[in-house]
C-alpha atoms as a PDB file:
ATOM      1  CA  MET A   1     -43.338  20.450  -0.036  1.00  0.00           C
ATOM      2  CA  ILE A   2     -42.310  17.741  -2.947  1.00  0.00           C
ATOM      3  CA  THR A   3     -39.315  17.481  -3.313  1.00  0.00           C
ATOM      4  CA  PRO A   4     -37.855  17.639  -7.350  1.00  0.00           C
ATOM      5  CA  LYS A   5     -36.614  14.632  -8.733  1.00  0.00           C
ATOM      6  CA  LEU A   6     -33.263  14.397  -8.587  1.00  0.00           C
ATOM      7  CA  PRO A   7     -30.591  14.243 -11.666  1.00  0.00           C
ATOM      8  CA  PRO A   8     -28.455  11.054 -12.135  1.00  0.00           C
ATOM      9  CA  ARG A   9     -25.473  12.764 -11.615  1.00  0.00           C
ATOM     10  CA  PHE A  10     -26.257  11.640  -7.513  1.00  0.00           C
ATOM     11  CA  ARG A  11     -25.948   8.200  -8.271  1.00  0.00           C
ATOM     12  CA  ARG A  12     -22.888   8.494 -10.134  1.00  0.00           C
ATOM     13  CA  GLN A  13     -22.101  10.414  -6.820  1.00  0.00           C
ATOM     14  CA  LEU A  14     -23.447   7.162  -4.591  1.00  0.00           C
ATOM     15  CA  ASN A  15     -26.250   9.159  -3.498  1.00  0.00           C
ATOM     16  CA  LEU A  16     -24.201  11.123  -2.446  1.00  0.00           C
ATOM     17  CA  ALA A  17     -24.516  15.208  -2.706  1.00  0.00           C
ATOM     18  CA  THR A  18     -23.276  19.081  -1.889  1.00  0.00           C
ATOM     19  CA  ARG A  19     -25.860  21.625  -0.502  1.00  0.00           C
ATOM     20  CA  HIS A  20     -24.601  23.327  -3.541  1.00  0.00           C
ATOM     21  CA  GLN A  21     -25.662  20.815  -5.864  1.00  0.00           C
ATOM     22  CA  LEU A  22     -28.869  20.125  -4.402  1.00  0.00           C
ATOM     23  CA  THR A  23     -30.598  23.801  -4.166  1.00  0.00           C
ATOM     24  CA  ALA A  24     -28.725  24.370  -7.607  1.00  0.00           C
ATOM     25  CA  SER A  25     -30.728  21.385  -8.529  1.00  0.00           C
ATOM     26  CA  GLY A  26     -34.078  23.374  -7.106  1.00  0.00           C
ATOM     27  CA  VAL A  27     -34.308  21.701  -4.023  1.00  0.00           C
ATOM     28  CA  PRO A  28     -34.873  24.624  -1.072  1.00  0.00           C
ATOM     29  CA  ASP A  29     -32.864  24.742   1.729  1.00  0.00           C
ATOM     30  CA  GLY A  30     -35.727  24.367   4.356  1.00  0.00           C
ATOM     31  CA  THR A  31     -35.941  20.968   2.624  1.00  0.00           C
ATOM     32  CA  VAL A  32     -33.107  19.789   3.162  1.00  0.00           C
ATOM     33  CA  THR A  33     -33.115  20.912   6.385  1.00  0.00           C
ATOM     34  CA  SER A  34     -36.009  19.024   7.037  1.00  0.00           C
ATOM     35  CA  ARG A  35     -35.052  15.998   5.050  1.00  0.00           C
ATOM     36  CA  THR A  36     -31.917  15.415   7.154  1.00  0.00           C
ATOM     37  CA  ARG A  37     -33.539  15.866  10.846  1.00  0.00           C
ATOM     38  CA  PRO A  38     -32.826  12.738  12.929  1.00  0.00           C
ATOM     39  CA  GLY A  39     -35.574  10.168  11.686  1.00  0.00           C
ATOM     40  CA  GLY A  40     -35.499  11.486   8.208  1.00  0.00           C
ATOM     41  CA  PRO A  41     -34.968  10.088   5.013  1.00  0.00           C
ATOM     42  CA  TRP A  42     -31.148  12.079   4.020  1.00  0.00           C
ATOM     43  CA  GLN A  43     -28.462  11.668   5.951  1.00  0.00           C
ATOM     44  CA  ARG A  44     -25.653  14.354   7.001  1.00  0.00           C
ATOM     45  CA  LEU A  45     -22.498  13.024   6.934  1.00  0.00           C
ATOM     46  CA  LEU A  46     -20.297  15.860   6.447  1.00  0.00           C
ATOM     47  CA  PRO A  47     -20.930  19.847   6.871  1.00  0.00           C
ATOM     48  CA  ARG A  48     -22.195  20.315   3.774  1.00  0.00           C
ATOM     49  CA  VAL A  49     -22.537  16.451   2.462  1.00  0.00           C
ATOM     50  CA  TYR A  50     -25.029  14.355   2.426  1.00  0.00           C
ATOM     51  CA  LEU A  51     -26.037  10.751   2.085  1.00  0.00           C
ATOM     52  CA  LEU A  52     -29.287  10.402   0.779  1.00  0.00           C
ATOM     53  CA  GLN A  53     -30.361   7.187   1.782  1.00  0.00           C
ATOM     54  CA  THR A  54     -31.807   6.157   5.299  1.00  0.00           C
ATOM     55  CA  GLY A  55     -28.711   3.103   5.159  1.00  0.00           C
ATOM     56  CA  PRO A  56     -25.535   3.710   6.694  1.00  0.00           C
ATOM     57  CA  PRO A  57     -22.686   5.035   4.402  1.00  0.00           C
ATOM     58  CA  ASP A  58     -19.834   2.113   3.623  1.00  0.00           C
ATOM     59  CA  HIS A  59     -16.239   2.616   3.562  1.00  0.00           C
ATOM     60  CA  ARG A  60     -16.768   4.320  -0.606  1.00  0.00           C
ATOM     61  CA  GLN A  61     -19.392   6.366   0.493  1.00  0.00           C
ATOM     62  CA  ARG A  62     -17.333   8.391   3.448  1.00  0.00           C
ATOM     63  CA  ALA A  63     -14.534   8.346   0.710  1.00  0.00           C
ATOM     64  CA  LEU A  64     -15.864   9.731  -1.692  1.00  0.00           C
ATOM     65  CA  ALA A  65     -18.253  11.825   1.261  1.00  0.00           C
ATOM     66  CA  ALA A  66     -14.684  13.325   1.874  1.00  0.00           C
ATOM     67  CA  VAL A  67     -14.280  14.422  -1.553  1.00  0.00           C
ATOM     68  CA  LEU A  68     -17.604  16.303  -2.026  1.00  0.00           C
ATOM     69  CA  TYR A  69     -16.350  18.273   1.056  1.00  0.00           C
ATOM     70  CA  ALA A  70     -12.641  19.254  -0.265  1.00  0.00           C
ATOM     71  CA  ALA A  71     -14.155  19.808  -2.992  1.00  0.00           C
ATOM     72  CA  GLU A  72     -14.335  23.415  -4.587  1.00  0.00           C
ATOM     73  CA  PRO A  73     -18.665  23.849  -4.249  1.00  0.00           C
ATOM     74  CA  ALA A  74     -18.879  24.972  -8.785  1.00  0.00           C
ATOM     75  CA  ALA A  75     -16.530  21.717  -9.258  1.00  0.00           C
ATOM     76  CA  ASP A  76     -16.843  19.026 -10.811  1.00  0.00           C
ATOM     77  CA  PRO A  77     -15.998  16.548  -7.522  1.00  0.00           C
ATOM     78  CA  LEU A  78     -15.611  13.693  -9.980  1.00  0.00           C
ATOM     79  CA  SER A  79     -13.145  15.034 -12.140  1.00  0.00           C
ATOM     80  CA  GLY A  80     -10.264  15.294  -9.620  1.00  0.00           C
ATOM     81  CA  ALA A  81      -9.220  18.845 -10.457  1.00  0.00           C
ATOM     82  CA  THR A  82     -10.168  20.587  -7.474  1.00  0.00           C
ATOM     83  CA  ALA A  83     -10.109  17.510  -4.107  1.00  0.00           C
ATOM     84  CA  ALA A  84      -8.708  14.123  -4.526  1.00  0.00           C
ATOM     85  CA  LEU A  85      -7.992  11.341  -2.351  1.00  0.00           C
ATOM     86  CA  THR A  86      -5.156  10.957  -1.007  1.00  0.00           C
ATOM     87  CA  GLY A  87      -2.921   8.951   1.644  1.00  0.00           C
ATOM     88  CA  GLY A  88      -3.790   6.428   3.768  1.00  0.00           C
ATOM     89  CA  ALA A  89      -7.837   6.480   3.000  1.00  0.00           C
ATOM     90  CA  ALA A  90      -6.918   6.106  -0.518  1.00  0.00           C
ATOM     91  CA  LEU A  91      -4.478   3.230   0.091  1.00  0.00           C
ATOM     92  CA  ALA A  92      -7.069   1.606   1.677  1.00  0.00           C
ATOM     93  CA  LEU A  93      -9.307   1.881  -0.878  1.00  0.00           C
ATOM     94  CA  LEU A  94      -6.904   0.290  -3.406  1.00  0.00           C
ATOM     95  CA  GLY A  95      -7.034  -2.885  -0.149  1.00  0.00           C
ATOM     96  CA  ILE A  96      -3.636  -2.146   0.816  1.00  0.00           C
ATOM     97  CA  ARG A  97      -3.592  -4.143   4.639  1.00  0.00           C
ATOM     98  CA  ASP A  98      -3.679  -1.734   7.756  1.00  0.00           C
ATOM     99  CA  ALA A  99      -4.203   1.403   6.166  1.00  0.00           C
ATOM    100  CA  PRO A 100      -5.856   3.846   7.934  1.00  0.00           C
ATOM    101  CA  TRP A 101      -9.467   5.157   6.618  1.00  0.00           C
ATOM    102  CA  THR A 102      -9.998   7.727   8.182  1.00  0.00           C
ATOM    103  CA  PRO A 103      -9.023  10.487   9.011  1.00  0.00           C
ATOM    104  CA  ALA A 104      -9.197  10.850   5.080  1.00  0.00           C
ATOM    105  CA  ASP A 105      -6.392  12.849   3.086  1.00  0.00           C
ATOM    106  CA  VAL A 106      -7.746  14.473   0.509  1.00  0.00           C
ATOM    107  CA  LEU A 107      -5.798  16.834  -1.823  1.00  0.00           C
ATOM    108  CA  VAL A 108      -6.909  20.414  -2.249  1.00  0.00           C
ATOM    109  CA  ARG A 109      -4.789  23.337  -4.616  1.00  0.00           C
ATOM    110  CA  ALA A 110      -3.326  25.611  -2.815  1.00  0.00           C
ATOM    111  CA  PRO A 111      -3.753  28.182  -1.298  1.00  0.00           C
ATOM    112  CA  ARG A 112      -7.244  26.364  -0.429  1.00  0.00           C
ATOM    113  CA  LYS A 113      -7.803  25.001   2.412  1.00  0.00           C
ATOM    114  CA  PRO A 114     -11.616  23.825   3.937  1.00  0.00           C
ATOM    115  CA  ALA A 115     -11.975  23.281   7.635  1.00  0.00           C
ATOM    116  CA  ALA A 116     -10.945  19.979   8.994  1.00  0.00           C
ATOM    117  CA  THR A 117     -12.724  17.171  10.219  1.00  0.00           C
ATOM    118  CA  ALA A 118     -12.529  14.844  12.870  1.00  0.00           C
ATOM    119  CA  GLU A 119     -13.050  12.904   9.398  1.00  0.00           C
ATOM    120  CA  VAL A 120     -11.717  14.680   6.305  1.00  0.00           C
ATOM    121  CA  ARG A 121      -8.179  16.082   6.851  1.00  0.00           C
ATOM    122  CA  PRO A 122      -7.783  18.382   3.407  1.00  0.00           C
ATOM    123  CA  VAL A 123      -4.288  18.377   2.421  1.00  0.00           C
ATOM    124  CA  PRO A 124      -3.249  21.713   0.422  1.00  0.00           C
ATOM    125  CA  THR A 125      -0.356  21.343  -2.364  1.00  0.00           C
ATOM    126  CA  THR A 126       1.525  23.024  -5.419  1.00  0.00           C
ATOM    127  CA  ARG A 127       2.504  20.157  -7.067  1.00  0.00           C
ATOM    128  CA  TRP A 128      -1.143  18.596  -8.395  1.00  0.00           C
ATOM    129  CA  PRO A 129      -0.812  15.127  -8.954  1.00  0.00           C
ATOM    130  CA  GLN A 130      -2.360  12.982 -12.234  1.00  0.00           C
ATOM    131  CA  THR A 131      -5.050  12.247 -11.006  1.00  0.00           C
ATOM    132  CA  ILE A 132      -7.159   8.765 -11.625  1.00  0.00           C
ATOM    133  CA  THR A 133     -11.155   7.059 -10.403  1.00  0.00           C
ATOM    134  CA  VAL A 134     -10.343   4.006  -7.949  1.00  0.00           C
ATOM    135  CA  ALA A 135     -14.053   2.212  -7.667  1.00  0.00           C
ATOM    136  CA  GLY A 136     -16.094   5.859  -8.519  1.00  0.00           C
ATOM    137  CA  ILE A 137     -13.489   8.100  -6.308  1.00  0.00           C
ATOM    138  CA  PRO A 138     -10.848  10.314  -7.223  1.00  0.00           C
ATOM    139  CA  SER A 139      -8.124   9.486  -6.057  1.00  0.00           C
ATOM    140  CA  THR A 140      -3.635  10.211  -6.475  1.00  0.00           C
ATOM    141  CA  ARG A 141      -1.882   8.062  -8.090  1.00  0.00           C
ATOM    142  CA  PRO A 142      -0.119   4.823  -4.797  1.00  0.00           C
ATOM    143  CA  VAL A 143       2.844   6.402  -5.663  1.00  0.00           C
ATOM    144  CA  ARG A 144       1.660   9.818  -4.503  1.00  0.00           C
ATOM    145  CA  ALA A 145      -0.552   8.627  -2.196  1.00  0.00           C
ATOM    146  CA  ALA A 146       1.491   5.847  -0.183  1.00  0.00           C
ATOM    147  CA  ALA A 147       4.094   9.231   0.389  1.00  0.00           C
ATOM    148  CA  ASP A 148       1.634  11.510   1.355  1.00  0.00           C
ATOM    149  CA  PHE A 149       0.813   8.565   4.037  1.00  0.00           C
ATOM    150  CA  ALA A 150       4.233   8.591   5.178  1.00  0.00           C
ATOM    151  CA  SER A 151       4.938  12.592   5.668  1.00  0.00           C
ATOM    152  CA  ARG A 152       1.881  12.252   7.827  1.00  0.00           C
ATOM    153  CA  ALA A 153       2.268   9.310   9.626  1.00  0.00           C
ATOM    154  CA  THR A 154       4.257   8.574  13.359  1.00  0.00           C
ATOM    155  CA  ASP A 155       4.693   4.853  13.859  1.00  0.00           C
ATOM    156  CA  PRO A 156       7.837   4.436  11.523  1.00  0.00           C
ATOM    157  CA  ASP A 157       7.230   0.559  11.960  1.00  0.00           C
ATOM    158  CA  ARG A 158       3.955   1.061  10.409  1.00  0.00           C
ATOM    159  CA  VAL A 159       5.193   3.133   7.513  1.00  0.00           C
ATOM    160  CA  ARG A 160       7.324   0.334   7.153  1.00  0.00           C
ATOM    161  CA  ALA A 161       4.554  -2.218   6.585  1.00  0.00           C
ATOM    162  CA  ILE A 162       2.166   0.079   4.785  1.00  0.00           C
ATOM    163  CA  LEU A 163       5.100   1.051   2.063  1.00  0.00           C
ATOM    164  CA  ALA A 164       6.224  -2.867   1.823  1.00  0.00           C
ATOM    165  CA  HIS A 165       2.636  -3.055   1.008  1.00  0.00           C
ATOM    166  CA  VAL A 166       2.114  -1.010  -1.956  1.00  0.00           C
ATOM    167  CA  VAL A 167       5.063  -2.204  -4.154  1.00  0.00           C
ATOM    168  CA  GLN A 168       4.732  -6.127  -2.481  1.00  0.00           C
ATOM    169  CA  SER A 169       1.114  -5.652  -3.922  1.00  0.00           C
ATOM    170  CA  GLY A 170       1.985  -4.302  -7.414  1.00  0.00           C
ATOM    171  CA  TRP A 171       0.593  -0.598  -7.715  1.00  0.00           C
ATOM    172  CA  CYS A 172       4.589   1.302  -7.999  1.00  0.00           C
ATOM    173  CA  HIS A 173       8.154  -0.279  -8.530  1.00  0.00           C
ATOM    174  CA  PRO A 174      10.045   0.649  -5.464  1.00  0.00           C
ATOM    175  CA  GLN A 175      12.666   3.683  -7.953  1.00  0.00           C
ATOM    176  CA  ASP A 176       9.425   5.484  -8.427  1.00  0.00           C
ATOM    177  CA  LEU A 177       8.197   5.500  -4.888  1.00  0.00           C
ATOM    178  CA  TYR A 178      11.452   6.055  -4.040  1.00  0.00           C
ATOM    179  CA  VAL A 179      11.297   9.054  -6.437  1.00  0.00           C
ATOM    180  CA  GLU A 180       8.540  10.234  -5.042  1.00  0.00           C
ATOM    181  CA  LEU A 181       9.692  10.392  -1.259  1.00  0.00           C
ATOM    182  CA  ARG A 182      12.520  12.153  -2.847  1.00  0.00           C
ATOM    183  CA  THR A 183      10.481  14.961  -4.357  1.00  0.00           C
ATOM    184  CA  ALA A 184       8.278  15.141  -1.939  1.00  0.00           C
ATOM    185  CA  ARG A 185      11.328  15.874  -0.003  1.00  0.00           C
ATOM    186  CA  LEU A 186      10.471  13.095   2.850  1.00  0.00           C
ATOM    187  CA  LEU A 187      14.111  10.942   2.178  1.00  0.00           C
ATOM    188  CA  ARG A 188      15.653  13.667   5.213  1.00  0.00           C
ATOM    189  CA  ARG A 189      13.705  11.516   7.426  1.00  0.00           C
ATOM    190  CA  PRO A 190      15.438   8.428   8.699  1.00  0.00           C
ATOM    191  CA  ALA A 191      13.117   6.027   9.000  1.00  0.00           C
ATOM    192  CA  ILE A 192      11.501   6.735   5.615  1.00  0.00           C
ATOM    193  CA  ARG A 193      14.572   7.107   4.486  1.00  0.00           C
ATOM    194  CA  ALA A 194      15.016   3.159   5.944  1.00  0.00           C
ATOM    195  CA  ALA A 195      12.147   2.168   4.618  1.00  0.00           C
ATOM    196  CA  ALA A 196      12.873   3.011   1.301  1.00  0.00           C
ATOM    197  CA  ALA A 197      15.944   1.816   1.262  1.00  0.00           C
ATOM    198  CA  GLU A 198      14.781  -1.393   2.590  1.00  0.00           C
ATOM    199  CA  LEU A 199      12.462  -1.519  -0.501  1.00  0.00           C
ATOM    200  CA  VAL A 200      15.128  -0.419  -3.168  1.00  0.00           C
ATOM    201  CA  ALA A 201      17.364  -3.476  -2.542  1.00  0.00           C
ATOM    202  CA  GLY A 202      14.344  -5.648  -3.011  1.00  0.00           C
ATOM    203  CA  ILE A 203      12.793  -6.177   0.994  1.00  0.00           C
ATOM    204  CA  ARG A 204       8.905  -6.470   0.223  1.00  0.00           C
ATOM    205  CA  SER A 205       7.983  -7.212   3.829  1.00  0.00           C
ATOM    206  CA  PRO A 206       8.309  -6.528   7.395  1.00  0.00           C
ATOM    207  CA  ALA A 207       9.809  -9.903   8.326  1.00  0.00           C
ATOM    208  CA  GLU A 208      11.914  -9.449   5.207  1.00  0.00           C
ATOM    209  CA  ALA A 209      13.652  -5.881   6.477  1.00  0.00           C
ATOM    210  CA  ARG A 210      14.150  -7.863  10.270  1.00  0.00           C
ATOM    211  CA  ALA A 211      15.666 -10.694   8.233  1.00  0.00           C
ATOM    212  CA  ARG A 212      18.054  -8.422   5.974  1.00  0.00           C
ATOM    213  CA  ASP A 213      18.658  -6.159   9.580  1.00  0.00           C
ATOM    214  CA  ALA A 214      19.735  -9.240  11.177  1.00  0.00           C
ATOM    215  CA  LEU A 215      22.530 -10.323   8.140  1.00  0.00           C
ATOM    216  CA  THR A 216      23.443  -7.244   7.725  1.00  0.00           C
ATOM    217  CA  ALA A 217      25.491  -7.721  11.407  1.00  0.00           C
ATOM    218  CA  THR A 218      26.251 -11.099  10.118  1.00  0.00           C
ATOM    219  CA  ASP A 219      29.761 -11.331   7.758  1.00  0.00           C
ATOM    220  CA  LEU A 220      27.544 -13.548   5.056  1.00  0.00           C
ATOM    221  CA  PRO A 221      27.308 -12.820   2.006  1.00  0.00           C
ATOM    222  CA  THR A 222      24.522  -9.991   0.705  1.00  0.00           C
ATOM    223  CA  PRO A 223      21.827 -12.203  -0.976  1.00  0.00           C
ATOM    224  CA  LEU A 224      19.355 -11.523  -3.745  1.00  0.00           C
ATOM    225  CA  TRP A 225      15.708 -10.599  -2.395  1.00  0.00           C
ATOM    226  CA  ASN A 226      12.647 -11.688  -3.780  1.00  0.00           C
ATOM    227  CA  ALA A 227      14.810 -12.702  -6.882  1.00  0.00           C
ATOM    228  CA  ARG A 228      13.155 -14.683  -9.493  1.00  0.00           C
ATOM    229  CA  LEU A 229      14.280 -18.216 -10.295  1.00  0.00           C
ATOM    230  CA  TYR A 230      14.112 -20.474 -13.596  1.00  0.00           C
ATOM    231  CA  THR A 231      14.924 -24.308 -14.399  1.00  0.00           C
ATOM    232  CA  PRO A 232      17.584 -23.980 -17.195  1.00  0.00           C
ATOM    233  CA  ASP A 233      14.993 -24.823 -19.799  1.00  0.00           C
ATOM    234  CA  GLY A 234      12.916 -21.361 -18.847  1.00  0.00           C
ATOM    235  CA  ALA A 235      10.396 -22.643 -16.562  1.00  0.00           C
ATOM    236  CA  PHE A 236       9.973 -20.284 -13.356  1.00  0.00           C
ATOM    237  CA  LEU A 237      10.322 -21.967 -10.658  1.00  0.00           C
ATOM    238  CA  ALA A 238       9.945 -19.972  -7.657  1.00  0.00           C
ATOM    239  CA  SER A 239      10.739 -17.068  -6.134  1.00  0.00           C
ATOM    240  CA  PRO A 240      12.042 -17.172  -2.317  1.00  0.00           C
ATOM    241  CA  ASP A 241      12.335 -14.582   0.120  1.00  0.00           C
ATOM    242  CA  ALA A 242      15.962 -14.292   0.230  1.00  0.00           C
ATOM    243  CA  TYR A 243      18.657 -16.218  -2.533  1.00  0.00           C
ATOM    244  CA  TRP A 244      22.125 -16.527  -2.532  1.00  0.00           C
ATOM    245  CA  PRO A 245      22.462 -17.482  -6.310  1.00  0.00           C
ATOM    246  CA  ASP A 246      26.525 -18.512  -5.477  1.00  0.00           C
ATOM    247  CA  GLU A 247      26.418 -21.009  -3.151  1.00  0.00           C
ATOM    248  CA  GLY A 248      22.157 -22.163  -4.132  1.00  0.00           C
ATOM    249  CA  VAL A 249      20.459 -21.580  -0.942  1.00  0.00           C
ATOM    250  CA  ALA A 250      17.397 -19.691  -0.294  1.00  0.00           C
ATOM    251  CA  LEU A 251      15.354 -18.792   3.205  1.00  0.00           C
ATOM    252  CA  GLU A 252      11.764 -18.649   3.089  1.00  0.00           C
ATOM    253  CA  ILE A 253       9.706 -16.848   5.300  1.00  0.00           C
ATOM    254  CA  ASP A 254       6.599 -18.777   6.468  1.00  0.00           C
ATOM    255  CA  SER A 255       3.793 -16.503   8.035  1.00  0.00           C
ATOM    256  CA  ALA A 256       0.717 -18.400   9.480  1.00  0.00           C
ATOM    257  CA  GLU A 257      -1.395 -15.834   7.732  1.00  0.00           C
ATOM    258  CA  TYR A 258      -0.741 -16.515   3.871  1.00  0.00           C
ATOM    259  CA  HIS A 259       1.179 -20.081   4.602  1.00  0.00           C
ATOM    260  CA  TYR A 260      -1.199 -22.452   7.267  1.00  0.00           C
ATOM    261  CA  THR A 261      -3.727 -22.971   5.644  1.00  0.00           C
ATOM    262  CA  ARG A 262      -4.309 -27.115   4.298  1.00  0.00           C
ATOM    263  CA  ASP A 263      -4.142 -25.493   0.437  1.00  0.00           C
ATOM    264  CA  ALA A 264      -1.552 -22.616   0.888  1.00  0.00           C
ATOM    265  CA  TRP A 265       0.894 -24.822   3.527  1.00  0.00           C
ATOM    266  CA  GLN A 266       0.703 -28.163   0.131  1.00  0.00           C
ATOM    267  CA  ALA A 267       1.114 -25.167  -2.151  1.00  0.00           C
ATOM    268  CA  THR A 268       4.684 -23.923   0.414  1.00  0.00           C
ATOM    269  CA  LEU A 269       5.911 -27.986   0.702  1.00  0.00           C
ATOM    270  CA  ARG A 270       5.907 -28.214  -2.700  1.00  0.00           C
ATOM    271  CA  ARG A 271       7.534 -24.771  -4.374  1.00  0.00           C
ATOM    272  CA  ARG A 272       9.627 -26.191  -1.738  1.00  0.00           C
ATOM    273  CA  LEU A 273      10.491 -29.903  -3.812  1.00  0.00           C
ATOM    274  CA  ARG A 274      10.255 -27.798  -6.444  1.00  0.00           C
ATOM    275  CA  LEU A 275      13.519 -26.029  -5.256  1.00  0.00           C
ATOM    276  CA  GLU A 276      15.050 -28.682  -3.623  1.00  0.00           C
ATOM    277  CA  ALA A 277      14.852 -30.712  -6.577  1.00  0.00           C
ATOM    278  CA  HIS A 278      16.988 -28.420  -8.627  1.00  0.00           C
ATOM    279  CA  GLY A 279      19.452 -28.822  -6.106  1.00  0.00           C
ATOM    280  CA  ILE A 280      18.971 -25.158  -4.139  1.00  0.00           C
ATOM    281  CA  LEU A 281      19.113 -26.090  -0.064  1.00  0.00           C
ATOM    282  CA  VAL A 282      15.913 -24.159   1.914  1.00  0.00           C
ATOM    283  CA  VAL A 283      16.082 -23.001   5.847  1.00  0.00           C
ATOM    284  CA  SER A 284      12.404 -21.953   6.706  1.00  0.00           C
ATOM    285  CA  ALA A 285      11.809 -19.602   9.135  1.00  0.00           C
ATOM    286  CA  THR A 286       8.716 -17.388  10.365  1.00  0.00           C
ATOM    287  CA  PRO A 287       8.432 -14.198  11.314  1.00  0.00           C
ATOM    288  CA  SER A 288       8.072 -14.739  14.842  1.00  0.00           C
ATOM    289  CA  MET A 289      11.528 -16.477  14.926  1.00  0.00           C
ATOM    290  CA  ILE A 290      13.334 -13.524  12.756  1.00  0.00           C
ATOM    291  CA  ARG A 291      11.296 -11.251  14.851  1.00  0.00           C
ATOM    292  CA  ASP A 292      12.413 -13.678  18.262  1.00  0.00           C
ATOM    293  CA  THR A 293      15.581 -15.593  17.380  1.00  0.00           C
ATOM    294  CA  PRO A 294      17.497 -14.827  14.505  1.00  0.00           C
ATOM    295  CA  ASP A 295      21.072 -16.069  15.886  1.00  0.00           C
ATOM    296  CA  GLU A 296      19.380 -19.803  15.393  1.00  0.00           C
ATOM    297  CA  VAL A 297      18.380 -18.686  11.200  1.00  0.00           C
ATOM    298  CA  THR A 298      20.943 -16.661  10.777  1.00  0.00           C
ATOM    299  CA  ARG A 299      23.239 -20.215  12.160  1.00  0.00           C
ATOM    300  CA  ALA A 300      21.217 -22.287   9.754  1.00  0.00           C
ATOM    301  CA  LEU A 301      21.821 -19.897   7.151  1.00  0.00           C
ATOM    302  CA  ARG A 302      26.013 -19.805   7.330  1.00  0.00           C
ATOM    303  CA  ALA A 303      25.250 -24.099   7.963  1.00  0.00           C
ATOM    304  CA  LEU A 304      24.072 -25.038   4.921  1.00  0.00           C
ATOM    305  CA  LEU A 305      26.665 -21.536   3.129  1.00  0.00           C
ATOM    306  CA  THR A 306      29.237 -23.669   4.299  1.00  0.00           C
ATOM    307  CA  LEU A 307      28.027 -26.495   2.668  1.00  0.00           C
ATOM    308  CA  THR A 308      27.973 -25.760  -0.975  1.00  0.00           C
ATOM    309  CA  SER A 309      31.023 -26.561  -1.985  1.00  0.00           C
ATOM    310  CA  THR A 310      31.484 -30.330  -0.868  1.00  0.00           C
ATOM    311  CA  ARG A 311      28.101 -31.090  -2.303  1.00  0.00           C
ATOM    312  CA  ALA A 312      27.315 -33.721  -4.869  1.00  0.00           C
ATOM    313  CA  ILE A 313      23.969 -31.732  -6.621  1.00  0.00           C
ATOM    314  CA  PRO A 314      25.133 -28.070  -7.505  1.00  0.00           C
ATOM    315  CA  PRO A 315      21.901 -25.679  -7.955  1.00  0.00           C
ATOM    316  CA  ARG A 316      20.754 -25.879 -11.176  1.00  0.00           C
ATOM    317  CA  ALA A 317      18.083 -22.481 -11.134  1.00  0.00           C
ATOM    318  CA  VAL A 318      18.973 -19.121 -12.892  1.00  0.00           C
ATOM    319  CA  ALA A 319      18.082 -16.060 -11.035  1.00  0.00           C
ATOM    320  CA  ARG A 320      16.862 -13.279 -13.547  1.00  0.00           C
ATOM    321  CA  GLY A 321      14.307 -10.436 -14.162  1.00  0.00           C
ATOM    322  CA  HIS A 322      15.760  -9.190 -10.771  1.00  0.00           C
ATOM    323  CA  GLN A 323      17.985  -6.115 -10.493  1.00  0.00           C
ATOM    324  CA  GLN A 324      19.539  -5.093  -7.234  1.00  0.00           C
ATOM    325  CA  LEU A 325      18.641  -1.139  -7.386  1.00  0.00           C
ATOM    326  CA  GLU A 326      20.809   0.782  -5.340  1.00  0.00           C
ATOM    327  CA  LEU A 327      19.924   3.865  -3.797  1.00  0.00           C
ATOM    328  CA  PRO A 328      20.514   7.061  -5.003  1.00  0.00           C
ATOM    329  CA  LEU A 329      23.138   8.839  -2.655  1.00  0.00           C
ATOM    330  CA  ARG A 330      20.568  11.904  -3.641  1.00  0.00           C
ATOM    331  CA  CYS A 331      18.173  13.313  -1.100  1.00  0.00           C
END
């Protein structure tokens, strides 16, 4: 039997189609069954969802297959009106490091609740969000995806790291994320509330969070986190991880992953030279030092902070464009 010519919509769907779409396009059920047998030209990825090619699916195709599986059969799955990728898979699609691709969380409008599979976890909701298209896949906005990820994650450290990466990558403002977490009633969970507090305070990585914990346990003054420093004539200078503006002291946390290639290391040294040329004293540490020997780091900071009153060269930098947001008390 000759298979009817498939409509262009399936190309827009990354060579994916549901059984409902195929039969509506004139493809008999028997043809679908025969072409998805072992060795056939099509593949069954999920119940009633097929990949119309012989090669293996990539991450985008698997993510869109999850949306097709959860969407209402008669709806346009690309519209985001009845199903949208969220949680870890939506964050992974945006390039968030360590966000899990599977199982893919897919929002559906309550009271619909399609059966879960090993690859897809439908999430019914009465709070339907504004949806966007990311790489051709209907998804929730990053702030909602981050909150939905946090709602199902069980590892506090992973929640802390991924929420920080979402904010650090510029996908959402920490205050917007805080509001989303509060709206979803997730701030009642201590780990999520702690992660939100760190982000609102300016923390943008797990290493910075550990440094903040270590500093909070001392009597050292509270620094600005990730403040943007400018020279007196308005030129951007640097954005150290922590900065004490009154004392002109900065803490730089340099990880091997981002700083120890030849070019990155030279860029780190040039940034440090710029800071020191403007009278700013720098303490450097690695994430492992913050984790394993925090007392050594705080002692070094204390030594520099006590030198500020007798220094010959006062700091010549202005911290601006940075606001220390206060965490609202209401959950």
